[in-house]
């Protein structure tokens, strides 16, 4: 497994083994024994299926139940986005985008960052491994068009929930220490 640090602190791209033969494809996007993500243990797994042109996010959970995520794609192609929400981070308010498909590995979204994606080729099946449980009381988001992200999709399909999230500038500032779980 090759690991690349992304420009946002703690964000990683994991290039995982991928095999193709006459039967199809096989991949292992995560192995706890690989040591790639110290302290990350999977608590919940989610997946979504989305059509081309869909934008999902930008989602996160507020403290004290903030979560880190490992995200990979098992079908289709997405442009995955990580947005730094840690007010004392040198990359606060900045984002990084990585294209993911079934052969490209995974992306790690650290605590204190929002996550979203747009579907470039669908349907796309996106899988999320979280190191904490979903908590509706702390579930939150940043409006998809408020963080300076240039989306490739010109007329995206966005949920009502995501359309009504607050703008990045309207979020209360939280430092990295405030984001960390105790």
Protein backbone atom coordinates (compact mmCIF):
# COMPACT_ATOMS: atom_id res chain seq x y z
CA UNK A 1 0.00 0.00 0.00
CA UNK A 2 1.35 3.41 -0.97
CA UNK A 3 0.31 6.36 1.19
CA UNK A 4 0.47 9.96 0.01
CA UNK A 5 0.02 12.90 2.37
CA UNK A 6 -2.39 15.45 0.95
CA UNK A 7 -1.96 19.23 1.43
CA UNK A 8 -4.45 19.25 4.35
CA UNK A 9 -2.92 18.02 7.62
CA UNK A 10 -3.92 14.42 8.38
CA UNK A 11 -5.60 13.86 5.01
CA UNK A 12 -4.19 10.90 3.10
CA UNK A 13 -4.56 9.12 -0.21
CA UNK A 14 -4.10 5.36 0.02
CA UNK A 15 -3.23 3.49 -3.17
CA UNK A 16 -4.32 -0.03 -2.37
CA UNK A 17 -3.72 -3.32 -4.18
CA UNK A 18 -6.12 -3.84 -7.08
CA UNK A 19 -6.26 -6.98 -9.19
CA UNK A 20 -8.07 -7.70 -12.45
CA UNK A 21 -8.37 -11.01 -14.28
CA UNK A 22 -10.90 -12.89 -16.42
CA UNK A 23 -13.29 -13.15 -13.45
CA UNK A 24 -13.39 -9.43 -12.71
CA UNK A 25 -11.73 -7.26 -10.09
CA UNK A 26 -10.61 -7.60 -6.49
CA UNK A 27 -9.36 -4.91 -4.08
CA UNK A 28 -8.60 -4.48 -0.38
CA UNK A 29 -9.15 -0.79 0.41
CA UNK A 30 -8.38 -1.11 4.14
CA UNK A 31 -6.46 -3.39 6.46
CA UNK A 32 -6.12 -2.48 10.13
CA UNK A 33 -2.91 -4.49 10.31
CA UNK A 34 -1.23 -2.35 7.64
CA UNK A 35 -0.62 0.43 10.19
CA UNK A 36 -1.53 3.09 7.65
CA UNK A 37 -4.08 4.79 9.92
CA UNK A 38 -2.96 4.54 13.56
CA UNK A 39 -5.89 4.95 15.95
CA UNK A 40 -8.50 4.43 13.22
CA UNK A 41 -10.85 1.58 13.97
CA UNK A 42 -14.01 1.04 11.99
CA UNK A 43 -17.21 1.62 13.97
CA UNK A 44 -19.71 1.95 11.11
CA UNK A 45 -19.78 1.41 7.35
CA UNK A 46 -22.07 3.26 4.92
CA UNK A 47 -22.45 3.31 1.16
CA UNK A 48 -24.34 5.48 -1.30
CA UNK A 49 -25.28 5.02 -4.94
CA UNK A 50 -25.43 8.27 -6.89
CA UNK A 51 -26.14 9.23 -10.51
CA UNK A 52 -23.84 11.32 -12.67
CA UNK A 53 -24.06 15.01 -11.79
CA UNK A 54 -24.89 14.47 -8.12
CA UNK A 55 -23.03 16.51 -5.49
CA UNK A 56 -23.17 15.14 -1.91
CA UNK A 57 -21.87 17.08 1.06
CA UNK A 58 -20.03 18.75 2.54
CA UNK A 59 -20.72 16.69 5.70
CA UNK A 60 -19.13 16.30 9.13
CA UNK A 61 -20.07 15.66 12.75
CA UNK A 62 -19.40 18.31 15.39
CA UNK A 63 -17.57 17.51 18.61
CA UNK A 64 -17.83 15.60 20.82
CA UNK A 65 -18.78 12.90 18.29
CA UNK A 66 -16.65 14.07 15.34
CA UNK A 67 -15.53 11.20 13.11
CA UNK A 68 -12.73 10.40 10.71
CA UNK A 69 -13.64 8.61 7.47
CA UNK A 70 -12.00 6.32 4.99
CA UNK A 71 -13.74 6.68 1.62
CA UNK A 72 -13.45 4.53 -1.49
CA UNK A 73 -15.46 3.86 -4.65
CA UNK A 74 -16.54 0.39 -5.74
CA UNK A 75 -18.30 1.52 -8.95
CA UNK A 76 -18.22 4.67 -11.07
CA UNK A 77 -15.96 7.69 -10.67
CA UNK A 78 -16.15 10.62 -8.25
CA UNK A 79 -14.22 13.76 -7.41
CA UNK A 80 -13.82 13.50 -3.65
CA UNK A 81 -13.37 16.71 -1.64
CA UNK A 82 -11.93 17.30 1.84
CA UNK A 83 -12.46 20.76 3.40
CA UNK A 84 -10.40 21.80 6.46
CA UNK A 85 -12.64 23.23 9.24
CA UNK A 86 -9.94 23.54 11.96
CA UNK A 87 -9.72 27.29 12.57
CA UNK A 88 -6.08 27.16 13.74
CA UNK A 89 -4.91 25.03 10.81
CA UNK A 90 -2.69 26.66 8.16
CA UNK A 91 -5.09 25.18 5.59
CA UNK A 92 -8.33 26.31 7.32
CA UNK A 93 -11.03 26.89 4.71
CA UNK A 94 -9.01 25.24 1.97
CA UNK A 95 -9.91 22.04 0.21
CA UNK A 96 -8.25 19.21 -1.66
CA UNK A 97 -9.95 17.17 -4.37
CA UNK A 98 -8.96 13.70 -5.58
CA UNK A 99 -10.61 11.58 -8.28
CA UNK A 100 -11.55 8.13 -7.06
CA UNK A 101 -12.77 5.08 -8.94
CA UNK A 102 -12.72 1.35 -8.28
CA UNK A 103 -8.99 1.10 -9.07
CA UNK A 104 -7.71 4.24 -7.35
CA UNK A 105 -7.63 3.28 -3.69
CA UNK A 106 -9.09 5.33 -0.86
CA UNK A 107 -8.95 8.72 0.79
CA UNK A 108 -8.71 9.40 4.54
CA UNK A 109 -10.70 12.36 5.92
CA UNK A 110 -9.38 13.39 9.36
CA UNK A 111 -11.47 14.70 12.25
CA UNK A 112 -12.11 18.42 11.80
CA UNK A 113 -12.66 18.22 8.06
CA UNK A 114 -15.85 18.16 6.01
CA UNK A 115 -16.30 15.62 3.23
CA UNK A 116 -18.22 15.69 -0.02
CA UNK A 117 -18.03 14.53 -3.61
CA UNK A 118 -19.42 14.92 -7.08
CA UNK A 119 -20.18 12.04 -9.41
CA UNK A 120 -18.19 12.25 -12.63
CA UNK A 121 -19.30 8.88 -14.04
CA UNK A 122 -22.26 7.13 -12.55
CA UNK A 123 -23.85 5.39 -11.10
CA UNK A 124 -21.16 5.66 -8.44
CA UNK A 125 -21.13 3.49 -5.33
CA UNK A 126 -19.19 5.31 -2.63
CA UNK A 127 -18.26 3.51 0.60
CA UNK A 128 -17.51 5.24 3.89
CA UNK A 129 -15.82 3.63 6.89
CA UNK A 130 -16.19 5.77 10.04
CA UNK A 131 -14.29 5.49 13.30
CA UNK A 132 -17.34 6.56 15.31
CA UNK A 133 -21.07 6.16 15.16
CA UNK A 134 -23.47 8.42 13.33
CA UNK A 135 -24.95 10.97 15.74
CA UNK A 136 -27.95 12.91 14.42
CA UNK A 137 -27.53 15.48 17.22
CA UNK A 138 -24.07 16.52 15.95
CA UNK A 139 -24.53 15.79 12.24
CA UNK A 140 -23.74 18.97 10.30
CA UNK A 141 -22.54 20.34 7.00
CA UNK A 142 -21.22 23.22 4.95
CA UNK A 143 -23.21 24.37 1.93
CA UNK A 144 -21.58 22.78 -1.11
CA UNK A 145 -21.20 26.07 -3.03
CA UNK A 146 -19.84 28.25 -0.20
CA UNK A 147 -16.25 27.05 0.17
CA UNK A 148 -14.61 28.14 -3.08
CA UNK A 149 -14.76 24.69 -4.67
CA UNK A 150 -14.99 24.68 -8.46
CA UNK A 151 -17.22 21.73 -9.22
CA UNK A 152 -16.93 20.08 -12.64
CA UNK A 153 -20.68 19.53 -12.64
CA UNK A 154 -22.34 22.71 -13.98
CA UNK A 155 -25.91 21.96 -12.87
CA UNK A 156 -25.58 19.51 -9.97
CA UNK A 157 -28.30 17.48 -8.34
CA UNK A 158 -28.11 18.45 -4.65
CA UNK A 159 -30.38 17.37 -1.81
CA UNK A 160 -32.56 19.90 -0.02
CA UNK A 161 -30.59 19.20 3.15
CA UNK A 162 -27.28 20.05 1.44
CA UNK A 163 -28.78 23.16 -0.21
CA UNK A 164 -29.80 24.45 3.24
CA UNK A 165 -26.51 23.92 5.09
CA UNK A 166 -24.79 27.06 6.44
CA UNK A 167 -22.04 28.73 4.45
CA UNK A 168 -18.45 28.10 5.52
CA UNK A 169 -18.23 31.70 6.80
CA UNK A 170 -21.22 31.09 9.10
CA UNK A 171 -19.67 28.18 11.03
CA UNK A 172 -18.36 28.85 14.54
CA UNK A 173 -14.55 28.58 14.66
CA UNK A 174 -13.23 25.41 16.30
CA UNK A 175 -9.52 24.69 16.80
CA UNK A 176 -7.95 21.31 16.17
CA UNK A 177 -7.93 20.68 19.94
CA UNK A 178 -11.67 21.39 20.13
CA UNK A 179 -12.33 18.91 17.32
CA UNK A 180 -10.43 16.06 18.98
CA UNK A 181 -12.46 13.46 20.82
CA UNK A 182 -11.72 13.08 24.51
